[in-house]
């Protein structure tokens, strides 16, 4: 029993270091490197293998679930491959159930991080204009008159201004830390 607790503590410590390292790297480089996430996935599998085949199965299911949760958004261009591999590596540590929890907490953290970045970059006005245009185009599918408002907003947009981008991996890291160290959404 003491050995299992020790492995759990090592796993939590390694995962904490991983998500912090990935966050710093992504904030600086705007990408998630394979040299961090691929060995981490293997380490997650190895640490859980210590519990036997049941532990390896737990870890493999978490890895596969983490990968599958973000694979469709990746195919649609909503995120990079690094985000997919990062969540898969996290799943190798925490298993299928908790990797879903990590993603749910991540989705709650992401808008807060996005607002902070938009404000920091001074792009609130352009962001609201573009969000409004997208929203009105979508709602225009149901109420065609709203498309006219979307066209008006598009005319006010300046395509020379680059939109603010939010590193999703940082939100994944926050979601992981909240999941590891709290009972939020348990």
C-alpha atoms as a PDB file:
ATOM      1  CA  UNK A   1       0.000   0.000   0.000  1.00  0.00           C
ATOM      2  CA  UNK A   2       2.816   2.416   0.833  1.00  0.00           C
ATOM      3  CA  UNK A   3       4.472   1.633  -2.503  1.00  0.00           C
ATOM      4  CA  UNK A   4       1.246   2.442  -4.378  1.00  0.00           C
ATOM      5  CA  UNK A   5       1.016   5.779  -2.570  1.00  0.00           C
ATOM      6  CA  UNK A   6       4.632   6.520  -3.443  1.00  0.00           C
ATOM      7  CA  UNK A   7       3.955   5.813  -7.139  1.00  0.00           C
ATOM      8  CA  UNK A   8       0.861   8.047  -6.976  1.00  0.00           C
ATOM      9  CA  UNK A   9       2.916  10.884  -5.484  1.00  0.00           C
ATOM     10  CA  UNK A  10       5.659  10.460  -8.103  1.00  0.00           C
ATOM     11  CA  UNK A  11       3.041  10.411 -10.858  1.00  0.00           C
ATOM     12  CA  UNK A  12       1.411  13.595  -9.544  1.00  0.00           C
ATOM     13  CA  UNK A  13       4.781  15.344  -9.195  1.00  0.00           C
ATOM     14  CA  UNK A  14       5.911  14.356 -12.706  1.00  0.00           C
ATOM     15  CA  UNK A  15       2.609  15.434 -14.218  1.00  0.00           C
ATOM     16  CA  UNK A  16       2.766  18.759 -12.371  1.00  0.00           C
ATOM     17  CA  UNK A  17       6.274  19.443 -13.680  1.00  0.00           C
ATOM     18  CA  UNK A  18       5.174  18.422 -17.192  1.00  0.00           C
ATOM     19  CA  UNK A  19       2.174  20.758 -17.375  1.00  0.00           C
ATOM     20  CA  UNK A  20       4.155  23.683 -15.956  1.00  0.00           C
ATOM     21  CA  UNK A  21       6.986  23.064 -18.442  1.00  0.00           C
ATOM     22  CA  UNK A  22       4.569  22.793 -21.367  1.00  0.00           C
ATOM     23  CA  UNK A  23       2.844  26.022 -20.275  1.00  0.00           C
ATOM     24  CA  UNK A  24       6.096  27.970 -20.187  1.00  0.00           C
ATOM     25  CA  UNK A  25       7.187  26.538 -23.523  1.00  0.00           C
ATOM     26  CA  UNK A  26       3.854  27.261 -25.199  1.00  0.00           C
ATOM     27  CA  UNK A  27       3.691  30.799 -23.869  1.00  0.00           C
ATOM     28  CA  UNK A  28       7.171  31.473 -25.218  1.00  0.00           C
ATOM     29  CA  UNK A  29       7.140  29.477 -28.485  1.00  0.00           C
ATOM     30  CA  UNK A  30       3.381  29.113 -29.146  1.00  0.00           C
ATOM     31  CA  UNK A  31       3.735  25.371 -29.657  1.00  0.00           C
ATOM     32  CA  UNK A  32       3.838  22.209 -27.572  1.00  0.00           C
ATOM     33  CA  UNK A  33       7.013  20.217 -28.221  1.00  0.00           C
ATOM     34  CA  UNK A  34       7.066  16.490 -28.854  1.00  0.00           C
ATOM     35  CA  UNK A  35      10.231  16.169 -26.772  1.00  0.00           C
ATOM     36  CA  UNK A  36       8.097  16.934 -23.700  1.00  0.00           C
ATOM     37  CA  UNK A  37       4.812  15.147 -24.379  1.00  0.00           C
ATOM     38  CA  UNK A  38       5.895  11.917 -26.060  1.00  0.00           C
ATOM     39  CA  UNK A  39       8.298  10.780 -23.310  1.00  0.00           C
ATOM     40  CA  UNK A  40       5.732  11.928 -20.749  1.00  0.00           C
ATOM     41  CA  UNK A  41       3.095   9.657 -22.307  1.00  0.00           C
ATOM     42  CA  UNK A  42       5.529   6.749 -22.071  1.00  0.00           C
ATOM     43  CA  UNK A  43       6.346   7.626 -18.473  1.00  0.00           C
ATOM     44  CA  UNK A  44       2.633   7.761 -17.610  1.00  0.00           C
ATOM     45  CA  UNK A  45       2.184   4.290 -19.093  1.00  0.00           C
ATOM     46  CA  UNK A  46       5.274   3.002 -17.247  1.00  0.00           C
ATOM     47  CA  UNK A  47       4.236   4.422 -13.879  1.00  0.00           C
ATOM     48  CA  UNK A  48       0.800   2.869 -14.182  1.00  0.00           C
ATOM     49  CA  UNK A  49       2.302  -0.437 -15.362  1.00  0.00           C
ATOM     50  CA  UNK A  50       3.825  -0.657 -11.913  1.00  0.00           C
ATOM     51  CA  UNK A  51       0.284  -1.561 -10.753  1.00  0.00           C
ATOM     52  CA  UNK A  52       0.268  -4.471 -13.202  1.00  0.00           C
ATOM     53  CA  UNK A  53      -1.720  -5.081 -16.364  1.00  0.00           C
ATOM     54  CA  UNK A  54      -4.725  -3.391 -14.798  1.00  0.00           C
ATOM     55  CA  UNK A  55      -2.639  -0.229 -14.338  1.00  0.00           C
ATOM     56  CA  UNK A  56      -1.400  -0.406 -17.916  1.00  0.00           C
ATOM     57  CA  UNK A  57      -4.972  -0.780 -19.161  1.00  0.00           C
ATOM     58  CA  UNK A  58      -6.049   2.203 -17.015  1.00  0.00           C
ATOM     59  CA  UNK A  59      -3.234   4.284 -18.498  1.00  0.00           C
ATOM     60  CA  UNK A  60      -3.794   3.172 -22.109  1.00  0.00           C
ATOM     61  CA  UNK A  61      -7.504   3.965 -21.852  1.00  0.00           C
ATOM     62  CA  UNK A  62      -6.653   7.422 -20.504  1.00  0.00           C
ATOM     63  CA  UNK A  63      -4.160   8.029 -23.309  1.00  0.00           C
ATOM     64  CA  UNK A  64      -6.662   6.934 -25.968  1.00  0.00           C
ATOM     65  CA  UNK A  65      -9.484   8.971 -24.421  1.00  0.00           C
ATOM     66  CA  UNK A  66      -7.328  12.093 -24.194  1.00  0.00           C
ATOM     67  CA  UNK A  67      -6.329  11.682 -27.825  1.00  0.00           C
ATOM     68  CA  UNK A  68      -9.866  11.046 -29.067  1.00  0.00           C
ATOM     69  CA  UNK A  69     -11.369  13.965 -27.138  1.00  0.00           C
ATOM     70  CA  UNK A  70      -9.354  16.497 -29.148  1.00  0.00           C
ATOM     71  CA  UNK A  71      -8.835  14.630 -32.421  1.00  0.00           C
ATOM     72  CA  UNK A  72     -12.024  15.907 -34.110  1.00  0.00           C
ATOM     73  CA  UNK A  73     -11.351  19.558 -33.142  1.00  0.00           C
ATOM     74  CA  UNK A  74      -7.822  19.060 -34.513  1.00  0.00           C
ATOM     75  CA  UNK A  75      -9.193  17.717 -37.811  1.00  0.00           C
ATOM     76  CA  UNK A  76     -11.456  20.763 -38.023  1.00  0.00           C
ATOM     77  CA  UNK A  77      -8.463  23.074 -37.529  1.00  0.00           C
ATOM     78  CA  UNK A  78      -9.592  24.302 -34.123  1.00  0.00           C
ATOM     79  CA  UNK A  79      -6.291  23.363 -32.453  1.00  0.00           C
ATOM     80  CA  UNK A  80      -2.851  22.024 -33.112  1.00  0.00           C
ATOM     81  CA  UNK A  81      -1.574  18.470 -32.908  1.00  0.00           C
ATOM     82  CA  UNK A  82       0.466  19.393 -29.830  1.00  0.00           C
ATOM     83  CA  UNK A  83      -2.733  20.016 -27.866  1.00  0.00           C
ATOM     84  CA  UNK A  84      -4.019  16.566 -28.839  1.00  0.00           C
ATOM     85  CA  UNK A  85      -0.775  14.840 -27.836  1.00  0.00           C
ATOM     86  CA  UNK A  86      -0.596  16.860 -24.627  1.00  0.00           C
ATOM     87  CA  UNK A  87      -4.059  15.762 -23.471  1.00  0.00           C
ATOM     88  CA  UNK A  88      -3.254  12.170 -24.482  1.00  0.00           C
ATOM     89  CA  UNK A  89      -0.077  12.263 -22.354  1.00  0.00           C
ATOM     90  CA  UNK A  90      -2.077  13.619 -19.422  1.00  0.00           C
ATOM     91  CA  UNK A  91      -4.568  10.794 -19.925  1.00  0.00           C
ATOM     92  CA  UNK A  92      -1.717   8.270 -19.618  1.00  0.00           C
ATOM     93  CA  UNK A  93      -1.171   9.558 -16.081  1.00  0.00           C
ATOM     94  CA  UNK A  94      -4.732  10.120 -14.853  1.00  0.00           C
ATOM     95  CA  UNK A  95      -6.853   7.585 -16.759  1.00  0.00           C
ATOM     96  CA  UNK A  96      -9.966   7.946 -18.900  1.00  0.00           C
ATOM     97  CA  UNK A  97     -12.368   9.344 -16.319  1.00  0.00           C
ATOM     98  CA  UNK A  98     -10.043  12.035 -15.032  1.00  0.00           C
ATOM     99  CA  UNK A  99      -8.839  13.072 -18.495  1.00  0.00           C
ATOM    100  CA  UNK A 100     -12.472  13.879 -19.318  1.00  0.00           C
ATOM    101  CA  UNK A 101     -12.584  15.876 -16.082  1.00  0.00           C
ATOM    102  CA  UNK A 102      -9.365  17.664 -17.099  1.00  0.00           C
ATOM    103  CA  UNK A 103     -10.964  18.666 -20.402  1.00  0.00           C
ATOM    104  CA  UNK A 104     -14.156  19.892 -18.711  1.00  0.00           C
ATOM    105  CA  UNK A 105     -12.161  22.056 -16.295  1.00  0.00           C
ATOM    106  CA  UNK A 106     -10.016  23.226 -19.225  1.00  0.00           C
ATOM    107  CA  UNK A 107     -13.095  24.356 -21.113  1.00  0.00           C
ATOM    108  CA  UNK A 108     -14.104  26.382 -18.054  1.00  0.00           C
ATOM    109  CA  UNK A 109     -10.615  27.948 -17.738  1.00  0.00           C
ATOM    110  CA  UNK A 110     -10.151  28.751 -21.417  1.00  0.00           C
ATOM    111  CA  UNK A 111     -12.530  31.739 -21.682  1.00  0.00           C
ATOM    112  CA  UNK A 112     -10.941  33.372 -18.626  1.00  0.00           C
ATOM    113  CA  UNK A 113      -7.486  32.982 -20.132  1.00  0.00           C
ATOM    114  CA  UNK A 114      -8.737  34.234 -23.508  1.00  0.00           C
ATOM    115  CA  UNK A 115     -10.253  37.370 -21.985  1.00  0.00           C
ATOM    116  CA  UNK A 116      -7.011  38.061 -20.135  1.00  0.00           C
ATOM    117  CA  UNK A 117      -4.966  37.757 -23.336  1.00  0.00           C
ATOM    118  CA  UNK A 118      -7.394  39.885 -25.360  1.00  0.00           C
ATOM    119  CA  UNK A 119      -7.224  42.615 -22.727  1.00  0.00           C
ATOM    120  CA  UNK A 120      -3.434  42.346 -22.424  1.00  0.00           C
ATOM    121  CA  UNK A 121      -3.018  42.707 -26.199  1.00  0.00           C
ATOM    122  CA  UNK A 122      -5.529  45.590 -26.343  1.00  0.00           C
ATOM    123  CA  UNK A 123      -7.746  43.803 -28.864  1.00  0.00           C
ATOM    124  CA  UNK A 124     -11.074  43.808 -27.051  1.00  0.00           C
ATOM    125  CA  UNK A 125     -12.883  45.958 -29.630  1.00  0.00           C
ATOM    126  CA  UNK A 126     -11.791  43.929 -32.670  1.00  0.00           C
ATOM    127  CA  UNK A 127     -12.441  40.669 -30.836  1.00  0.00           C
ATOM    128  CA  UNK A 128     -15.992  41.692 -29.923  1.00  0.00           C
ATOM    129  CA  UNK A 129     -16.620  42.876 -33.486  1.00  0.00           C
ATOM    130  CA  UNK A 130     -15.426  39.578 -34.968  1.00  0.00           C
ATOM    131  CA  UNK A 131     -17.264  37.495 -32.384  1.00  0.00           C
ATOM    132  CA  UNK A 132     -20.433  39.475 -33.080  1.00  0.00           C
ATOM    133  CA  UNK A 133     -20.040  38.923 -36.815  1.00  0.00           C
ATOM    134  CA  UNK A 134     -19.634  35.163 -36.369  1.00  0.00           C
ATOM    135  CA  UNK A 135     -22.583  35.011 -33.969  1.00  0.00           C
ATOM    136  CA  UNK A 136     -24.853  37.019 -36.269  1.00  0.00           C
ATOM    137  CA  UNK A 137     -23.883  34.875 -39.260  1.00  0.00           C
ATOM    138  CA  UNK A 138     -24.780  31.775 -37.280  1.00  0.00           C
ATOM    139  CA  UNK A 139     -28.062  33.219 -36.003  1.00  0.00           C
ATOM    140  CA  UNK A 140     -28.754  34.461 -39.537  1.00  0.00           C
ATOM    141  CA  UNK A 141     -29.220  30.845 -40.497  1.00  0.00           C
ATOM    142  CA  UNK A 142     -32.397  30.883 -38.358  1.00  0.00           C
ATOM    143  CA  UNK A 143     -33.327  34.552 -38.755  1.00  0.00           C
ATOM    144  CA  UNK A 144     -32.048  35.698 -42.186  1.00  0.00           C
ATOM    145  CA  UNK A 145     -32.431  39.382 -41.326  1.00  0.00           C
ATOM    146  CA  UNK A 146     -29.530  39.096 -38.879  1.00  0.00           C
ATOM    147  CA  UNK A 147     -27.143  38.442 -41.756  1.00  0.00           C
ATOM    148  CA  UNK A 148     -27.504  42.124 -42.706  1.00  0.00           C
ATOM    149  CA  UNK A 149     -26.060  43.106 -39.328  1.00  0.00           C
ATOM    150  CA  UNK A 150     -23.219  40.630 -39.846  1.00  0.00           C
ATOM    151  CA  UNK A 151     -22.443  42.278 -43.194  1.00  0.00           C
ATOM    152  CA  UNK A 152     -22.353  45.684 -41.517  1.00  0.00           C
ATOM    153  CA  UNK A 153     -19.940  44.397 -38.893  1.00  0.00           C
ATOM    154  CA  UNK A 154     -17.755  42.839 -41.591  1.00  0.00           C
ATOM    155  CA  UNK A 155     -17.511  46.233 -43.294  1.00  0.00           C
ATOM    156  CA  UNK A 156     -16.146  47.740 -40.051  1.00  0.00           C
ATOM    157  CA  UNK A 157     -13.508  45.013 -39.646  1.00  0.00           C
ATOM    158  CA  UNK A 158      -9.864  45.748 -40.435  1.00  0.00           C
ATOM    159  CA  UNK A 159      -8.291  42.565 -41.861  1.00  0.00           C
ATOM    160  CA  UNK A 160      -4.843  44.085 -41.243  1.00  0.00           C
ATOM    161  CA  UNK A 161      -5.343  43.600 -37.480  1.00  0.00           C
ATOM    162  CA  UNK A 162      -4.374  40.113 -36.376  1.00  0.00           C
ATOM    163  CA  UNK A 163      -6.710  38.493 -33.871  1.00  0.00           C
ATOM    164  CA  UNK A 164      -5.452  37.636 -30.409  1.00  0.00           C
ATOM    165  CA  UNK A 165      -4.596  33.967 -30.027  1.00  0.00           C
ATOM    166  CA  UNK A 166      -4.919  31.979 -26.850  1.00  0.00           C
ATOM    167  CA  UNK A 167      -2.623  29.018 -26.143  1.00  0.00           C
ATOM    168  CA  UNK A 168      -5.011  26.155 -25.444  1.00  0.00           C
ATOM    169  CA  UNK A 169      -2.246  24.092 -23.823  1.00  0.00           C
ATOM    170  CA  UNK A 170      -1.986  26.610 -20.995  1.00  0.00           C
ATOM    171  CA  UNK A 171      -5.683  26.073 -20.294  1.00  0.00           C
ATOM    172  CA  UNK A 172      -5.117  22.306 -20.406  1.00  0.00           C
ATOM    173  CA  UNK A 173      -2.324  22.749 -17.869  1.00  0.00           C
ATOM    174  CA  UNK A 174      -4.601  24.799 -15.592  1.00  0.00           C
ATOM    175  CA  UNK A 175      -7.362  22.219 -15.970  1.00  0.00           C
ATOM    176  CA  UNK A 176      -4.897  19.463 -15.089  1.00  0.00           C
ATOM    177  CA  UNK A 177      -3.607  21.218 -11.982  1.00  0.00           C
ATOM    178  CA  UNK A 178      -7.127  21.974 -10.766  1.00  0.00           C
ATOM    179  CA  UNK A 179      -8.111  18.359 -11.386  1.00  0.00           C
ATOM    180  CA  UNK A 180      -5.028  16.996  -9.622  1.00  0.00           C
ATOM    181  CA  UNK A 181      -5.208  19.156  -6.536  1.00  0.00           C
ATOM    182  CA  UNK A 182      -8.933  19.723  -5.972  1.00  0.00           C
ATOM    183  CA  UNK A 183     -12.166  17.767  -6.051  1.00  0.00           C
ATOM    184  CA  UNK A 184     -13.680  20.207  -8.537  1.00  0.00           C
ATOM    185  CA  UNK A 185     -16.196  18.375 -10.806  1.00  0.00           C
ATOM    186  CA  UNK A 186     -15.596  15.090  -9.028  1.00  0.00           C
END
